[in-house]
Protein backbone atom coordinates (compact mmCIF):
# COMPACT_ATOMS: atom_id res chain seq x y z
CA MET A 1 -3.20 46.84 72.83
CA SER A 2 -3.25 44.35 75.69
CA THR A 3 -6.55 43.30 77.22
CA THR A 4 -5.40 44.65 80.59
CA LEU A 5 -4.66 48.09 79.14
CA LEU A 6 -7.98 48.11 77.32
CA ALA A 7 -9.81 47.15 80.53
CA MET A 8 -7.98 49.96 82.39
CA LEU A 9 -9.01 52.48 79.74
CA ILE A 10 -12.60 51.31 79.93
CA ALA A 11 -12.50 51.62 83.74
CA ALA A 12 -11.02 55.12 83.45
CA MET A 13 -13.81 56.12 81.07
CA SER A 14 -16.25 54.80 83.65
CA GLY A 15 -14.71 57.22 86.14
CA VAL A 16 -15.01 60.08 83.65
CA THR A 17 -18.69 59.34 83.08
CA MET A 18 -19.32 58.99 86.83
CA ALA A 19 -17.86 62.43 87.52
CA LEU A 20 -19.89 63.97 84.70
CA GLN A 21 -23.04 62.12 85.76
CA GLY A 22 -22.62 63.24 89.35
CA SER A 23 -22.19 66.84 88.24
CA LEU A 24 -25.22 66.75 85.96
CA ASN A 25 -27.34 65.01 88.60
CA ALA A 26 -26.32 67.55 91.24
CA ALA A 27 -27.28 70.40 88.90
CA LEU A 28 -30.66 68.78 88.23
CA GLY A 29 -31.10 68.10 91.95
CA LYS A 30 -30.77 71.81 92.74
CA ILE A 31 -33.64 72.50 90.37
CA ILE A 32 -36.11 69.66 90.96
CA GLY A 33 -34.99 67.99 94.22
CA LEU A 34 -32.99 64.93 95.27
CA LEU A 35 -35.53 62.13 95.06
CA GLU A 36 -37.04 63.65 91.93
CA THR A 37 -33.60 63.66 90.30
CA THR A 38 -33.00 60.06 91.35
CA PHE A 39 -36.30 59.11 89.73
CA ILE A 40 -35.61 61.00 86.49
CA VAL A 41 -32.09 59.57 86.18
CA HIS A 42 -33.39 56.01 86.49
CA LEU A 43 -36.36 56.66 84.20
CA VAL A 44 -34.11 58.06 81.45
CA GLY A 45 -31.73 55.12 81.94
CA LEU A 46 -34.64 52.68 81.72
CA VAL A 47 -35.79 54.23 78.43
CA LEU A 48 -32.27 54.00 77.00
CA VAL A 49 -31.80 50.36 78.00
CA PHE A 50 -35.29 49.53 76.71
CA LEU A 51 -34.35 50.99 73.31
CA LEU A 52 -31.01 49.19 73.23
CA LEU A 53 -32.54 45.82 74.17
CA PHE A 54 -35.90 45.79 72.43
CA VAL A 55 -35.62 48.25 69.55
CA PHE A 56 -31.98 47.86 68.50
CA ARG A 57 -31.71 44.24 69.76
CA LEU A 58 -28.24 44.79 71.26
CA GLY A 59 -28.62 42.45 74.23
CA ASP A 60 -26.67 39.21 74.21
CA GLY A 61 -28.14 37.58 77.30
CA ASP A 62 -30.92 35.09 77.93
CA TRP A 63 -33.95 36.43 79.82
CA ARG A 64 -35.14 32.92 80.65
CA ARG A 65 -32.17 32.41 82.98
CA TYR A 66 -33.21 35.11 85.45
CA VAL A 67 -34.40 32.49 87.94
CA GLU A 68 -30.86 31.07 88.10
CA ALA A 69 -29.45 34.25 89.63
CA PRO A 70 -29.21 34.38 93.44
CA TRP A 71 -31.72 36.75 95.04
CA TYR A 72 -29.04 39.17 96.24
CA THR A 73 -27.86 39.88 92.69
CA TYR A 74 -31.06 41.86 92.17
CA LEU A 75 -30.15 44.32 94.93
CA GLY A 76 -28.11 46.32 92.40
CA GLY A 77 -31.21 48.31 91.46
CA ILE A 78 -31.72 49.37 95.07
CA LEU A 79 -28.04 50.22 95.38
CA GLY A 80 -28.27 52.27 92.17
CA VAL A 81 -31.02 54.42 93.69
CA ILE A 82 -28.98 54.88 96.87
CA ILE A 83 -25.84 55.76 94.88
CA ILE A 84 -27.56 58.41 92.78
CA TYR A 85 -29.21 59.95 95.85
CA LEU A 86 -25.95 60.07 97.86
CA VAL A 87 -23.93 61.49 94.96
CA VAL A 88 -26.54 64.20 94.31
CA ARG A 89 -26.52 64.96 98.05
CA SER A 90 -22.73 65.13 98.46
CA ILE A 91 -21.50 66.99 95.36
CA PRO A 92 -23.15 70.36 96.12
CA ALA A 93 -21.77 70.23 99.68
CA LEU A 94 -18.23 69.10 98.82
CA GLY A 95 -17.64 69.91 95.17
CA VAL A 96 -17.12 67.40 92.38
CA ALA A 97 -13.41 66.67 93.00
CA VAL A 98 -13.68 66.09 96.75
CA ALA A 99 -16.91 64.09 96.53
CA THR A 100 -15.55 61.96 93.68
CA THR A 101 -12.33 61.31 95.57
CA ALA A 102 -14.25 60.25 98.67
CA ILE A 103 -16.45 58.03 96.50
CA ILE A 104 -13.41 56.39 94.93
CA VAL A 105 -11.73 55.76 98.29
CA GLY A 106 -14.96 54.16 99.54
CA GLN A 107 -15.17 52.08 96.37
CA VAL A 108 -11.58 50.87 96.65
CA LEU A 109 -11.92 49.93 100.33
CA THR A 110 -15.13 48.03 99.63
CA ALA A 111 -13.65 46.41 96.51
CA CYS A 112 -10.63 45.24 98.51
CA LEU A 113 -12.95 43.69 101.09
CA VAL A 114 -15.06 41.99 98.40
CA ASP A 115 -11.87 40.68 96.74
CA HIS A 116 -10.35 39.54 100.03
CA LEU A 117 -13.46 37.61 101.06
CA GLY A 118 -14.26 36.37 97.55
CA LEU A 119 -17.84 37.59 97.88
CA PHE A 120 -20.53 36.98 95.26
CA GLY A 121 -18.65 34.09 93.68
CA LEU A 122 -15.62 36.18 92.75
CA GLU A 123 -12.11 34.83 93.02
CA ARG A 124 -10.42 35.61 96.34
CA THR A 125 -7.63 38.17 96.11
CA PRO A 126 -5.87 38.71 99.45
CA PHE A 127 -5.65 42.21 100.92
CA THR A 128 -1.85 42.50 100.81
CA TRP A 129 0.42 45.24 102.14
CA TYR A 130 0.64 46.60 98.59
CA ARG A 131 -3.11 47.10 98.56
CA VAL A 132 -3.04 48.60 102.05
CA THR A 133 -0.31 51.03 100.95
CA GLY A 134 -2.17 51.92 97.76
CA THR A 135 -5.36 52.57 99.67
CA VAL A 136 -3.55 54.73 102.23
CA LEU A 137 -1.94 56.72 99.39
CA MET A 138 -5.34 57.24 97.77
CA ALA A 139 -6.86 58.36 101.07
CA SER A 140 -3.90 60.73 101.53
CA GLY A 141 -4.58 62.12 98.07
CA ALA A 142 -8.21 62.67 99.04
CA PHE A 143 -7.05 64.55 102.13
CA LEU A 144 -4.77 66.75 100.01
CA ILE A 145 -7.59 67.54 97.59
CA LEU A 146 -9.66 68.68 100.57
CA LYS A 147 -7.03 71.29 101.48
CA LYS A 148 -7.85 74.80 100.29
């Protein structure tokens, strides 16, 4: 199996887990509330990562290098809280398929911008007409999923 195919399968599994996570979080949010769900999701995740790093010793990084990372790389935690909150807020109103499609379109548009500008030290990848067409097709698909 090529590394590209493997990476695509891993990315697809990420999408599967995101849709399931969003559904589970929305269900929990209906019971305990939005911010409470956001807190619980991150607390459970923290416990899991703690076990993986410190009990099972699965980490392969170097904690001492944390000062080398630019300040903005630590904003991911804040974005994670915002993501969970917005997903829990949107899925009950839109349904899993529509909300997930809107999320994906937003992700792709943002990813294209990040690639095009080469943000965060990533290699620049121009926003070509192929990418524009692909994004328009995805947005069209989202529109079709919205139809009842």
